[in-house]
Structures are given as C-alpha cells and as structure tokens.
Amino acid sequence: MAKYRQAKVKRQHHVLKEIEPQLRFLSSLSAVSGVIPGSIRPKSGSQLGLTFQYFTPSGLKLIGRSKGAAQEIFVISPEPAQVLTSLKNQGYLVEKE
C-alpha cells in the first residue's frame, strides 16, 4: 500500500470535511483505481457537493465544494463514464452554477 493512500484515496493533502462521504463512495466503486484530492481554494457561493469538470486521459476531474472552499478531485478509472453515472445515481453530482 502506498504511503499516503487509505482505501484508494490519496491522503497527502487535506480534504474538505463536507466531501468525505463522496470520496468514500468513489473509493468503493470497482471502476475506480484511485482518488486524488488536489488543491483547495477559497470560493463564494452556497453550492455544495461535486461538479463534473472534464474527462482526463486517466479518468475524470471533479470539483468538491463546501461552504467557503472548493477542492479539485482527480479520479483514476478505466471507465470514467460509468463512475460519472454512479455519482449521478447516488445524487452526489450538482449542476454547475
């Protein structure tokens, strides 16, 4: 097991507390090889949850939002469309503002 990984989620950086349930769900999916939380930035607005940004060569990029902050989340998956569908079915995705 890699030094900073816990259940497919890389823990080298801080993670927004409000998106922990979504990260646990992502790590439980068989189509997900890894979840890498990225940088956290201040933001305004009241939107909470995950928003889809775009597909990457290795999976997809999401933005996790809490009150006052936004965090990049990179999901490594050979089947990113299936991961996106699973997130939608669970109600974890919100529409972009």
N, C-alpha and C. Protein backbone atom coordinates (compact mmCIF):
# COMPACT_ATOMS: atom_id res chain seq x y z
N MET A 1 0.86 -1.18 0.00
CA MET A 1 0.00 0.00 0.00
C MET A 1 0.90 1.23 0.00
N ALA A 2 0.56 2.20 -0.78
CA ALA A 2 1.34 3.43 -0.89
C ALA A 2 1.31 4.20 0.43
N LYS A 3 2.31 5.00 0.64
CA LYS A 3 2.49 5.71 1.91
C LYS A 3 1.30 6.57 2.30
N TYR A 4 0.68 7.26 1.35
CA TYR A 4 -0.38 8.21 1.66
C TYR A 4 -1.78 7.74 1.29
N ARG A 5 -1.95 6.49 0.92
CA ARG A 5 -3.26 6.03 0.46
C ARG A 5 -4.05 5.34 1.57
N GLN A 6 -5.35 5.65 1.61
CA GLN A 6 -6.29 4.98 2.50
C GLN A 6 -7.52 4.64 1.68
N ALA A 7 -7.73 3.37 1.42
CA ALA A 7 -8.90 2.91 0.66
C ALA A 7 -9.04 3.64 -0.68
N LYS A 8 -7.98 3.61 -1.47
CA LYS A 8 -7.91 4.21 -2.81
C LYS A 8 -7.84 5.73 -2.82
N VAL A 9 -7.95 6.40 -1.67
CA VAL A 9 -7.92 7.86 -1.62
C VAL A 9 -6.55 8.31 -1.13
N LYS A 10 -5.88 9.09 -1.95
CA LYS A 10 -4.57 9.62 -1.56
C LYS A 10 -4.76 10.67 -0.48
N ARG A 11 -4.00 10.58 0.62
CA ARG A 11 -4.18 11.46 1.77
C ARG A 11 -2.96 12.32 2.04
N GLN A 12 -2.25 12.71 0.99
CA GLN A 12 -1.08 13.55 1.18
C GLN A 12 -1.48 14.99 1.52
N HIS A 13 -2.63 15.42 1.03
CA HIS A 13 -3.12 16.78 1.26
C HIS A 13 -4.38 16.73 2.11
N HIS A 14 -4.78 17.88 2.60
CA HIS A 14 -6.03 17.97 3.35
C HIS A 14 -7.21 17.69 2.43
N VAL A 15 -8.31 17.27 3.03
CA VAL A 15 -9.54 17.01 2.28
C VAL A 15 -10.66 17.77 2.99
N LEU A 16 -11.51 18.42 2.20
CA LEU A 16 -12.66 19.12 2.78
C LEU A 16 -13.57 18.11 3.47
N LYS A 17 -13.93 18.42 4.70
CA LYS A 17 -14.74 17.51 5.52
C LYS A 17 -16.09 17.21 4.86
N GLU A 18 -16.67 18.19 4.19
CA GLU A 18 -18.00 18.02 3.59
C GLU A 18 -18.02 17.05 2.42
N ILE A 19 -16.88 16.76 1.81
CA ILE A 19 -16.88 15.83 0.67
C ILE A 19 -16.35 14.45 1.03
N GLU A 20 -16.08 14.20 2.30
CA GLU A 20 -15.62 12.87 2.74
C GLU A 20 -16.57 11.74 2.33
N PRO A 21 -17.92 11.89 2.50
CA PRO A 21 -18.81 10.80 2.09
C PRO A 21 -18.71 10.48 0.59
N GLN A 22 -18.57 11.51 -0.23
CA GLN A 22 -18.45 11.29 -1.67
C GLN A 22 -17.13 10.57 -2.00
N LEU A 23 -16.06 10.92 -1.30
CA LEU A 23 -14.78 10.25 -1.54
C LEU A 23 -14.84 8.79 -1.12
N ARG A 24 -15.51 8.50 0.00
CA ARG A 24 -15.68 7.11 0.42
C ARG A 24 -16.48 6.33 -0.61
N PHE A 25 -17.54 6.96 -1.15
CA PHE A 25 -18.34 6.30 -2.18
C PHE A 25 -17.49 6.02 -3.41
N LEU A 26 -16.73 7.02 -3.86
CA LEU A 26 -15.86 6.82 -5.03
C LEU A 26 -14.89 5.67 -4.81
N SER A 27 -14.30 5.61 -3.64
CA SER A 27 -13.32 4.56 -3.38
C SER A 27 -13.95 3.17 -3.31
N SER A 28 -15.26 3.10 -3.08
CA SER A 28 -15.94 1.81 -3.01
C SER A 28 -16.29 1.26 -4.40
N LEU A 29 -16.21 2.07 -5.42
CA LEU A 29 -16.57 1.64 -6.78
C LEU A 29 -15.46 0.77 -7.38
N SER A 30 -15.85 -0.35 -7.97
CA SER A 30 -14.86 -1.23 -8.59
C SER A 30 -14.22 -0.60 -9.82
N ALA A 31 -14.90 0.35 -10.45
CA ALA A 31 -14.38 1.01 -11.64
C ALA A 31 -13.34 2.10 -11.30
N VAL A 32 -13.13 2.37 -10.02
CA VAL A 32 -12.19 3.40 -9.61
C VAL A 32 -10.90 2.76 -9.10
N SER A 33 -9.77 3.19 -9.68
CA SER A 33 -8.46 2.70 -9.25
C SER A 33 -7.87 3.58 -8.17
N GLY A 34 -8.21 4.88 -8.20
CA GLY A 34 -7.67 5.80 -7.21
C GLY A 34 -8.39 7.13 -7.24
N VAL A 35 -8.29 7.85 -6.11
CA VAL A 35 -8.89 9.17 -5.97
C VAL A 35 -7.80 10.08 -5.42
N ILE A 36 -7.55 11.19 -6.11
CA ILE A 36 -6.50 12.12 -5.70
C ILE A 36 -7.10 13.50 -5.45
N PRO A 37 -7.30 13.86 -4.18
CA PRO A 37 -7.74 15.22 -3.87
C PRO A 37 -6.60 16.20 -4.15
N GLY A 38 -6.93 17.32 -4.77
CA GLY A 38 -5.92 18.31 -5.12
C GLY A 38 -5.99 19.55 -4.27
N SER A 39 -5.69 20.66 -4.89
CA SER A 39 -5.61 21.92 -4.16
C SER A 39 -6.98 22.41 -3.70
N ILE A 40 -6.97 23.13 -2.58
CA ILE A 40 -8.18 23.74 -2.03
C ILE A 40 -8.07 25.23 -2.22
N ARG A 41 -9.14 25.85 -2.72
CA ARG A 41 -9.16 27.30 -2.94
C ARG A 41 -10.38 27.91 -2.30
N PRO A 42 -10.26 29.15 -1.85
CA PRO A 42 -11.44 29.83 -1.31
C PRO A 42 -12.45 30.09 -2.43
N LYS A 43 -13.72 30.11 -2.08
CA LYS A 43 -14.76 30.41 -3.07
C LYS A 43 -15.94 31.04 -2.36
N SER A 44 -16.76 31.67 -3.14
CA SER A 44 -18.01 32.20 -2.61
C SER A 44 -19.15 31.39 -3.21
N GLY A 45 -20.31 31.52 -2.67
CA GLY A 45 -21.46 30.78 -3.17
C GLY A 45 -21.91 29.74 -2.17
N SER A 46 -23.09 29.22 -2.39
CA SER A 46 -23.67 28.28 -1.43
C SER A 46 -23.76 26.87 -1.98
N GLN A 47 -23.26 26.63 -3.18
CA GLN A 47 -23.37 25.31 -3.79
C GLN A 47 -22.48 24.31 -3.07
N LEU A 48 -23.04 23.16 -2.70
CA LEU A 48 -22.29 22.10 -2.02
C LEU A 48 -22.33 20.84 -2.87
N GLY A 49 -21.30 20.00 -2.74
CA GLY A 49 -21.27 18.73 -3.44
C GLY A 49 -20.21 18.69 -4.52
N LEU A 50 -20.36 17.76 -5.45
CA LEU A 50 -19.40 17.55 -6.52
C LEU A 50 -19.94 18.07 -7.85
N THR A 51 -19.07 18.66 -8.64
CA THR A 51 -19.42 19.02 -10.01
C THR A 51 -18.40 18.38 -10.95
N PHE A 52 -18.88 17.90 -12.08
CA PHE A 52 -18.03 17.30 -13.09
C PHE A 52 -17.37 18.41 -13.90
N GLN A 53 -16.06 18.29 -14.11
CA GLN A 53 -15.33 19.27 -14.91
C GLN A 53 -15.07 18.74 -16.32
N TYR A 54 -14.30 17.64 -16.41
CA TYR A 54 -13.99 17.07 -17.72
C TYR A 54 -13.34 15.70 -17.55
N PHE A 55 -13.33 14.95 -18.66
CA PHE A 55 -12.63 13.67 -18.68
C PHE A 55 -11.15 13.92 -18.91
N THR A 56 -10.32 13.11 -18.29
CA THR A 56 -8.86 13.19 -18.46
C THR A 56 -8.40 11.90 -19.12
N PRO A 57 -7.14 11.84 -19.58
CA PRO A 57 -6.66 10.58 -20.17
C PRO A 57 -6.70 9.40 -19.19
N SER A 58 -6.65 9.68 -17.90
CA SER A 58 -6.65 8.59 -16.92
C SER A 58 -7.97 8.46 -16.15
N GLY A 59 -8.96 9.28 -16.44
CA GLY A 59 -10.24 9.20 -15.71
C GLY A 59 -11.07 10.45 -15.86
N LEU A 60 -11.26 11.19 -14.73
CA LEU A 60 -12.06 12.41 -14.79
C LEU A 60 -11.66 13.36 -13.67
N LYS A 61 -12.03 14.63 -13.85
CA LYS A 61 -11.77 15.65 -12.85
C LYS A 61 -13.10 16.16 -12.33
N LEU A 62 -13.18 16.27 -10.99
CA LEU A 62 -14.35 16.81 -10.31
C LEU A 62 -13.92 17.98 -9.45
N ILE A 63 -14.88 18.80 -9.06
CA ILE A 63 -14.64 19.84 -8.07
C ILE A 63 -15.57 19.55 -6.89
N GLY A 64 -14.99 19.43 -5.71
CA GLY A 64 -15.76 19.25 -4.49
C GLY A 64 -15.95 20.60 -3.82
N ARG A 65 -17.18 20.95 -3.49
CA ARG A 65 -17.46 22.27 -2.92
C ARG A 65 -18.05 22.15 -1.52
N SER A 66 -17.57 23.04 -0.65
CA SER A 66 -18.12 23.18 0.68
C SER A 66 -18.39 24.67 0.87
N LYS A 67 -18.89 25.04 2.04
CA LYS A 67 -19.09 26.46 2.28
C LYS A 67 -17.73 27.12 2.43
N GLY A 68 -17.40 28.00 1.50
CA GLY A 68 -16.17 28.77 1.58
C GLY A 68 -14.96 28.17 0.90
N ALA A 69 -15.06 26.97 0.31
CA ALA A 69 -13.89 26.37 -0.32
C ALA A 69 -14.29 25.42 -1.45
N ALA A 70 -13.34 25.20 -2.36
CA ALA A 70 -13.51 24.26 -3.46
C ALA A 70 -12.22 23.46 -3.59
N GLN A 71 -12.34 22.17 -3.89
CA GLN A 71 -11.18 21.31 -3.99
C GLN A 71 -11.24 20.49 -5.27
N GLU A 72 -10.12 20.44 -5.98
CA GLU A 72 -10.02 19.59 -7.16
C GLU A 72 -9.96 18.14 -6.72
N ILE A 73 -10.61 17.26 -7.48
CA ILE A 73 -10.57 15.83 -7.21
C ILE A 73 -10.34 15.12 -8.54
N PHE A 74 -9.26 14.37 -8.61
CA PHE A 74 -8.95 13.59 -9.80
C PHE A 74 -9.27 12.14 -9.51
N VAL A 75 -10.06 11.52 -10.40
CA VAL A 75 -10.46 10.13 -10.24
C VAL A 75 -9.78 9.32 -11.34
N ILE A 76 -9.05 8.29 -10.93
CA ILE A 76 -8.37 7.42 -11.88
C ILE A 76 -9.27 6.22 -12.13
N SER A 77 -9.63 6.04 -13.41
CA SER A 77 -10.55 4.97 -13.74
C SER A 77 -10.44 4.61 -15.22
N PRO A 78 -10.49 3.31 -15.55
CA PRO A 78 -10.54 2.92 -16.96
C PRO A 78 -11.93 3.12 -17.56
N GLU A 79 -12.94 3.34 -16.69
CA GLU A 79 -14.33 3.51 -17.12
C GLU A 79 -14.92 4.78 -16.50
N PRO A 80 -14.43 5.97 -16.90
CA PRO A 80 -14.89 7.21 -16.26
C PRO A 80 -16.38 7.51 -16.45
N ALA A 81 -16.94 7.12 -17.58
CA ALA A 81 -18.37 7.37 -17.81
C ALA A 81 -19.22 6.58 -16.81
N GLN A 82 -18.79 5.37 -16.48
CA GLN A 82 -19.51 4.55 -15.50
C GLN A 82 -19.42 5.19 -14.12
N VAL A 83 -18.27 5.76 -13.77
CA VAL A 83 -18.11 6.44 -12.48
C VAL A 83 -19.04 7.65 -12.42
N LEU A 84 -19.09 8.41 -13.49
CA LEU A 84 -19.96 9.59 -13.55
C LEU A 84 -21.43 9.20 -13.38
N THR A 85 -21.84 8.13 -14.04
CA THR A 85 -23.21 7.64 -13.93
C THR A 85 -23.52 7.22 -12.49
N SER A 86 -22.58 6.55 -11.84
CA SER A 86 -22.77 6.13 -10.45
C SER A 86 -22.93 7.33 -9.53
N LEU A 87 -22.14 8.37 -9.75
CA LEU A 87 -22.25 9.59 -8.94
C LEU A 87 -23.61 10.25 -9.14
N LYS A 88 -24.08 10.29 -10.38
CA LYS A 88 -25.40 10.88 -10.67
C LYS A 88 -26.50 10.07 -10.00
N ASN A 89 -26.42 8.74 -10.09
CA ASN A 89 -27.44 7.88 -9.50
C ASN A 89 -27.52 8.03 -7.99
N GLN A 90 -26.40 8.31 -7.34
CA GLN A 90 -26.37 8.49 -5.89
C GLN A 90 -26.78 9.90 -5.47
N GLY A 91 -26.91 10.81 -6.43
CA GLY A 91 -27.28 12.18 -6.12
C GLY A 91 -26.11 13.02 -5.62
N TYR A 92 -24.88 12.59 -5.89
CA TYR A 92 -23.70 13.31 -5.44
C TYR A 92 -23.26 14.42 -6.38
N LEU A 93 -23.77 14.44 -7.59
CA LEU A 93 -23.38 15.49 -8.55
C LEU A 93 -24.39 16.62 -8.53
N VAL A 94 -23.88 17.84 -8.56
CA VAL A 94 -24.73 19.03 -8.66
C VAL A 94 -24.42 19.73 -9.98
N GLU A 95 -25.37 20.48 -10.47
CA GLU A 95 -25.18 21.21 -11.71
C GLU A 95 -24.26 22.42 -11.47
N LYS A 96 -23.48 22.77 -12.47
CA LYS A 96 -22.60 23.93 -12.37
C LYS A 96 -23.45 25.19 -12.27
N GLU A 97 -22.93 26.16 -11.48
CA GLU A 97 -23.63 27.45 -11.35
C GLU A 97 -23.42 28.28 -12.58
